[in-house]
Amino acid sequence: MYKNYIFDLYGTLIDINTNEWKRSIWKNMAMIYSMSGAPYKPTELKKKYWEFVADETKSIPKEKYTTTPEPLIENVFKRLYTEKGVDCSDEIAAFTGRVFRSLSITYIRLYDGVDELFDAIRENGGKAYLLSNAQRIFTEPEIRMTGLWEKFDDILISSDEGCAKPDVMFFKKVLEKHGLDPKQSIMIGNDCNTDIRGAYEAGMDSLYLHTNISPEVSGELLSKYTIMSGSLIEARQALFGK
């Protein structure tokens, strides 16, 4: 029995489908920027967006990561305003980012068995943590909207830290912040590399869930538990025997 259960989010607890390449997104976002005094054509906006994402990623200080840097996406949305000479507050940049995110989402929902798994963790005296490769301006509202916020003892999001899984530095953030023993902790995730190999390199056991949005397994799967059905109900049974 483990004391600490460290979760991935998307593809593990939340089933989500997004598409940032839809033409309609860039058309609508170009209109939003243009109506705010920052005129863009959709193709220009899309090009600048990805250019600024690359710039922001390169600008992350080396001491923040070992292998996998993570930028703050709100800086990108702010730069898209200032590129056209429009002042932009942090609040407006974050709101613009949330509009972009909402336009990209096809659906978002919890997987079956989430509540029962967290109930089992609490009943057995465990603590639950989130370690998500994500942008806070997108992810915090989605965690709250799906009712997951109160289920965690702490939430760590890669955009806040400047690094992302499988970077061992990101795993160490949660372990060191809360004084967790890696041998008493388990990572639960749906990606064989970012979640499972990352946990292995951080000295932790893991439970692999192969869900509908998992990448294909490549190389040796280093998880202690493997649930190829992706079922959180089976995960609960594997961890707690019920």
Protein backbone atom coordinates (compact mmCIF):
# COMPACT_ATOMS: atom_id res chain seq x y z
CA MET A 1 0.00 0.00 0.00
CA TYR A 2 1.35 3.44 -0.93
CA LYS A 3 1.07 6.65 1.06
CA ASN A 4 1.20 9.03 -1.88
CA TYR A 5 -0.64 8.85 -5.21
CA ILE A 6 0.67 11.23 -7.87
CA PHE A 7 -1.59 11.66 -10.87
CA ASP A 8 -1.30 12.80 -14.42
CA LEU A 9 -4.42 14.68 -15.57
CA TYR A 10 -5.32 14.55 -19.25
CA GLY A 11 -5.83 11.03 -20.53
CA THR A 12 -5.71 9.71 -16.96
CA LEU A 13 -8.50 11.46 -15.04
CA ILE A 14 -9.89 13.79 -17.70
CA ASP A 15 -10.88 12.59 -21.16
CA ILE A 16 -10.42 15.54 -23.50
CA ASN A 17 -10.26 16.19 -27.21
CA THR A 18 -8.73 19.41 -28.50
CA ASN A 19 -7.72 20.61 -31.94
CA GLU A 20 -5.60 23.75 -32.15
CA TRP A 21 -5.22 23.39 -35.90
CA LYS A 22 -8.83 24.10 -36.86
CA ARG A 23 -9.07 27.03 -39.28
CA SER A 24 -12.09 28.35 -37.40
CA ILE A 25 -10.01 28.87 -34.24
CA TRP A 26 -7.50 31.11 -35.95
CA LYS A 27 -10.25 32.95 -37.81
CA ASN A 28 -12.12 33.67 -34.57
CA MET A 29 -8.99 34.54 -32.62
CA ALA A 30 -7.83 36.92 -35.38
CA MET A 31 -11.21 38.63 -35.12
CA ILE A 32 -10.89 38.94 -31.33
CA TYR A 33 -7.43 40.47 -31.61
CA SER A 34 -8.48 42.77 -34.45
CA MET A 35 -11.53 43.98 -32.51
CA SER A 36 -9.15 44.77 -29.63
CA GLY A 37 -6.98 46.96 -31.84
CA ALA A 38 -4.41 44.33 -32.78
CA PRO A 39 -5.24 43.50 -36.41
CA TYR A 40 -4.26 40.03 -37.64
CA LYS A 41 -5.11 37.79 -40.53
CA PRO A 42 -5.71 34.19 -39.38
CA THR A 43 -2.58 32.83 -41.07
CA GLU A 44 -0.43 35.62 -39.64
CA LEU A 45 -1.78 35.06 -36.13
CA LYS A 46 -1.15 31.33 -36.32
CA LYS A 47 2.42 31.86 -37.54
CA LYS A 48 3.18 34.43 -34.83
CA TYR A 49 1.63 32.27 -32.12
CA TRP A 50 3.90 29.32 -32.78
CA GLU A 51 6.90 31.62 -33.28
CA PHE A 52 6.30 33.18 -29.86
CA VAL A 53 5.77 29.75 -28.24
CA ALA A 54 9.22 28.73 -29.51
CA ASP A 55 10.73 32.02 -28.27
CA GLU A 56 9.22 31.68 -24.82
CA THR A 57 10.43 28.08 -24.55
CA LYS A 58 13.99 29.08 -25.46
CA SER A 59 13.96 31.90 -22.90
CA ILE A 60 13.40 29.63 -19.88
CA PRO A 61 16.45 29.76 -17.57
CA LYS A 62 18.54 26.59 -17.68
CA GLU A 63 18.34 26.15 -13.92
CA LYS A 64 14.58 25.57 -14.15
CA TYR A 65 14.81 22.31 -16.11
CA THR A 66 17.04 19.39 -16.98
CA THR A 67 15.54 18.07 -20.22
CA THR A 68 12.05 19.46 -20.82
CA PRO A 69 11.33 23.21 -20.53
CA GLU A 70 7.76 24.50 -20.30
CA PRO A 71 6.83 28.11 -21.20
CA LEU A 72 4.09 30.33 -19.80
CA ILE A 73 1.52 30.48 -22.58
CA GLU A 74 -0.05 33.72 -21.31
CA ASN A 75 3.18 35.46 -22.30
CA VAL A 76 2.45 34.39 -25.87
CA PHE A 77 -1.07 35.83 -25.84
CA LYS A 78 0.28 39.07 -24.35
CA ARG A 79 3.00 39.35 -27.00
CA LEU A 80 0.41 38.95 -29.73
CA TYR A 81 -1.16 42.18 -28.45
CA THR A 82 2.06 44.09 -27.86
CA GLU A 83 3.37 43.06 -31.30
CA LYS A 84 0.65 45.33 -32.68
CA GLY A 85 1.26 48.12 -30.19
CA VAL A 86 -1.62 47.28 -27.86
CA ASP A 87 -1.06 47.35 -24.09
CA CYS A 88 -2.22 44.14 -22.44
CA SER A 89 -2.65 43.32 -18.76
CA ASP A 90 -1.94 39.87 -17.33
CA GLU A 91 -5.68 39.44 -16.80
CA ILE A 92 -6.53 40.17 -20.44
CA ALA A 93 -3.76 37.85 -21.64
CA ALA A 94 -5.08 35.03 -19.43
CA PHE A 95 -8.67 35.60 -20.54
CA THR A 96 -7.62 35.59 -24.20
CA GLY A 97 -5.85 32.30 -23.58
CA ARG A 98 -8.95 30.78 -22.04
CA VAL A 99 -11.01 31.88 -25.04
CA PHE A 100 -8.47 30.18 -27.31
CA ARG A 101 -8.63 27.02 -25.22
CA SER A 102 -12.42 26.93 -25.20
CA LEU A 103 -12.50 27.23 -28.99
CA SER A 104 -10.10 24.28 -29.30
CA ILE A 105 -12.08 21.85 -27.09
CA THR A 106 -14.34 19.31 -28.77
CA TYR A 107 -15.29 17.63 -25.48
CA ILE A 108 -14.09 17.37 -21.89
CA ARG A 109 -15.29 14.89 -19.25
CA LEU A 110 -14.10 12.70 -16.40
CA TYR A 111 -13.35 9.04 -16.96
CA ASP A 112 -15.54 6.56 -15.13
CA GLY A 113 -14.27 5.56 -11.70
CA VAL A 114 -12.53 8.81 -10.71
CA ASP A 115 -14.59 9.38 -7.55
CA GLU A 116 -14.30 5.78 -6.42
CA LEU A 117 -10.51 5.79 -6.83
CA PHE A 118 -10.08 8.95 -4.77
CA ASP A 119 -12.47 7.58 -2.14
CA ALA A 120 -10.27 4.47 -1.84
CA ILE A 121 -7.14 6.61 -1.46
CA ARG A 122 -8.72 8.57 1.40
CA GLU A 123 -10.18 5.49 3.07
CA ASN A 124 -6.67 4.00 3.18
CA GLY A 125 -5.04 7.14 4.57
CA GLY A 126 -3.34 8.17 1.34
CA LYS A 127 -2.62 11.59 -0.09
CA ALA A 128 -3.24 12.63 -3.69
CA TYR A 129 -1.15 15.00 -5.79
CA LEU A 130 -1.40 16.24 -9.35
CA LEU A 131 1.65 16.53 -11.59
CA SER A 132 0.40 17.82 -14.92
CA ASN A 133 2.10 18.91 -18.12
CA ALA A 134 -0.21 21.82 -18.75
CA GLN A 135 -0.79 25.56 -18.79
CA ARG A 136 -2.40 26.92 -15.63
CA ILE A 137 -4.60 29.40 -17.49
CA PHE A 138 -6.13 26.45 -19.36
CA THR A 139 -5.96 23.75 -16.74
CA GLU A 140 -7.00 25.33 -13.43
CA PRO A 141 -10.47 26.27 -14.78
CA GLU A 142 -10.87 22.77 -16.22
CA ILE A 143 -9.87 21.10 -12.94
CA ARG A 144 -12.38 23.24 -11.08
CA MET A 145 -15.08 22.74 -13.71
CA THR A 146 -14.80 18.95 -13.49
CA GLY A 147 -14.86 18.94 -9.68
CA LEU A 148 -11.31 17.65 -9.24
CA TRP A 149 -9.77 20.64 -7.47
CA GLU A 150 -10.73 19.62 -3.95
CA LYS A 151 -9.61 16.02 -4.44
CA PHE A 152 -5.89 16.85 -4.36
CA ASP A 153 -3.60 17.69 -1.47
CA ASP A 154 -1.53 19.76 -3.90
CA ILE A 155 -1.50 20.58 -7.60
CA LEU A 156 1.70 21.18 -9.57
CA ILE A 157 1.41 22.41 -13.15
CA SER A 158 4.38 22.48 -15.47
CA SER A 159 3.86 26.04 -16.70
CA ASP A 160 4.36 27.29 -13.12
CA GLU A 161 7.61 25.39 -12.74
CA GLY A 162 9.29 25.95 -16.11
CA CYS A 163 9.77 22.22 -16.63
CA ALA A 164 7.59 19.26 -17.59
CA LYS A 165 7.49 15.47 -17.36
CA PRO A 166 9.51 13.34 -18.03
CA ASP A 167 12.06 15.78 -16.60
CA VAL A 168 13.12 14.31 -13.24
CA MET A 169 13.30 17.85 -11.90
CA PHE A 170 9.51 18.12 -12.17
CA PHE A 171 8.99 14.89 -10.23
CA LYS A 172 11.41 16.11 -7.57
CA LYS A 173 9.33 19.28 -7.17
CA VAL A 174 6.44 17.39 -5.61
CA LEU A 175 8.63 14.91 -3.73
CA GLU A 176 10.81 17.58 -2.13
CA LYS A 177 8.02 20.11 -1.51
CA HIS A 178 6.08 17.63 0.61
CA GLY A 179 8.92 15.45 1.89
CA LEU A 180 7.58 12.39 0.11
CA ASP A 181 9.47 9.11 0.07
CA PRO A 182 9.65 7.92 -3.56
CA LYS A 183 9.39 4.32 -2.35
CA GLN A 184 6.05 5.10 -0.71
CA SER A 185 4.76 6.98 -3.75
CA ILE A 186 3.26 5.88 -7.04
CA MET A 187 2.73 7.74 -10.30
CA ILE A 188 -0.53 7.06 -12.15
CA GLY A 189 -0.56 8.10 -15.79
CA ASN A 190 -1.35 7.24 -19.38
CA ASP A 191 1.93 8.08 -21.13
CA CYS A 192 4.66 5.44 -21.21
CA ASN A 193 7.37 8.08 -21.50
CA THR A 194 6.36 11.25 -19.67
CA ASP A 195 4.59 9.51 -16.79
CA ILE A 196 6.04 6.02 -16.54
CA ARG A 197 9.66 6.41 -17.60
CA GLY A 198 9.82 9.75 -15.79
CA ALA A 199 8.59 8.16 -12.56
CA TYR A 200 11.03 5.28 -12.95
CA GLU A 201 13.94 7.70 -13.29
CA ALA A 202 12.70 9.53 -10.20
CA GLY A 203 12.79 6.27 -8.21
CA MET A 204 9.03 5.74 -8.06
CA ASP A 205 6.69 2.89 -8.91
CA SER A 206 3.97 3.62 -11.44
CA LEU A 207 0.62 2.45 -12.73
CA TYR A 208 0.14 2.72 -16.48
CA LEU A 209 -3.32 3.30 -17.94
CA HIS A 210 -3.63 2.79 -21.68
CA THR A 211 -6.53 5.12 -22.47
CA ASN A 212 -8.08 6.39 -25.67
CA ILE A 213 -5.57 9.25 -25.93
CA SER A 214 -2.44 7.41 -24.84
CA PRO A 215 0.47 7.50 -27.28
CA GLU A 216 1.65 4.15 -28.53
CA VAL A 217 3.89 2.28 -26.14
CA SER A 218 7.49 2.47 -27.27
CA GLY A 219 10.32 0.55 -25.70
CA GLU A 220 10.06 -1.26 -22.39
CA LEU A 221 7.03 -0.40 -20.29
CA LEU A 222 8.49 0.29 -16.85
CA SER A 223 5.28 0.35 -14.82
CA LYS A 224 4.67 -1.90 -11.82
CA TYR A 225 0.98 -2.09 -12.73
CA THR A 226 -0.40 -2.06 -16.26
CA ILE A 227 -4.07 -1.51 -17.09
CA MET A 228 -4.38 -1.85 -20.85
CA SER A 229 -8.14 -1.29 -20.69
CA GLY A 230 -7.52 2.17 -19.27
CA SER A 231 -10.12 1.49 -16.58
CA LEU A 232 -9.82 3.44 -13.33
CA ILE A 233 -12.06 0.82 -11.76
CA GLU A 234 -9.43 -1.83 -12.56
CA ALA A 235 -6.74 0.54 -11.30
CA ARG A 236 -8.53 0.82 -7.96
CA GLN A 237 -8.79 -2.95 -7.75
CA ALA A 238 -5.09 -3.36 -8.56
CA LEU A 239 -4.04 -0.84 -5.92
CA PHE A 240 -6.52 -1.64 -3.16
CA GLY A 241 -7.91 -5.07 -3.97
CA LYS A 242 -11.48 -3.80 -4.18
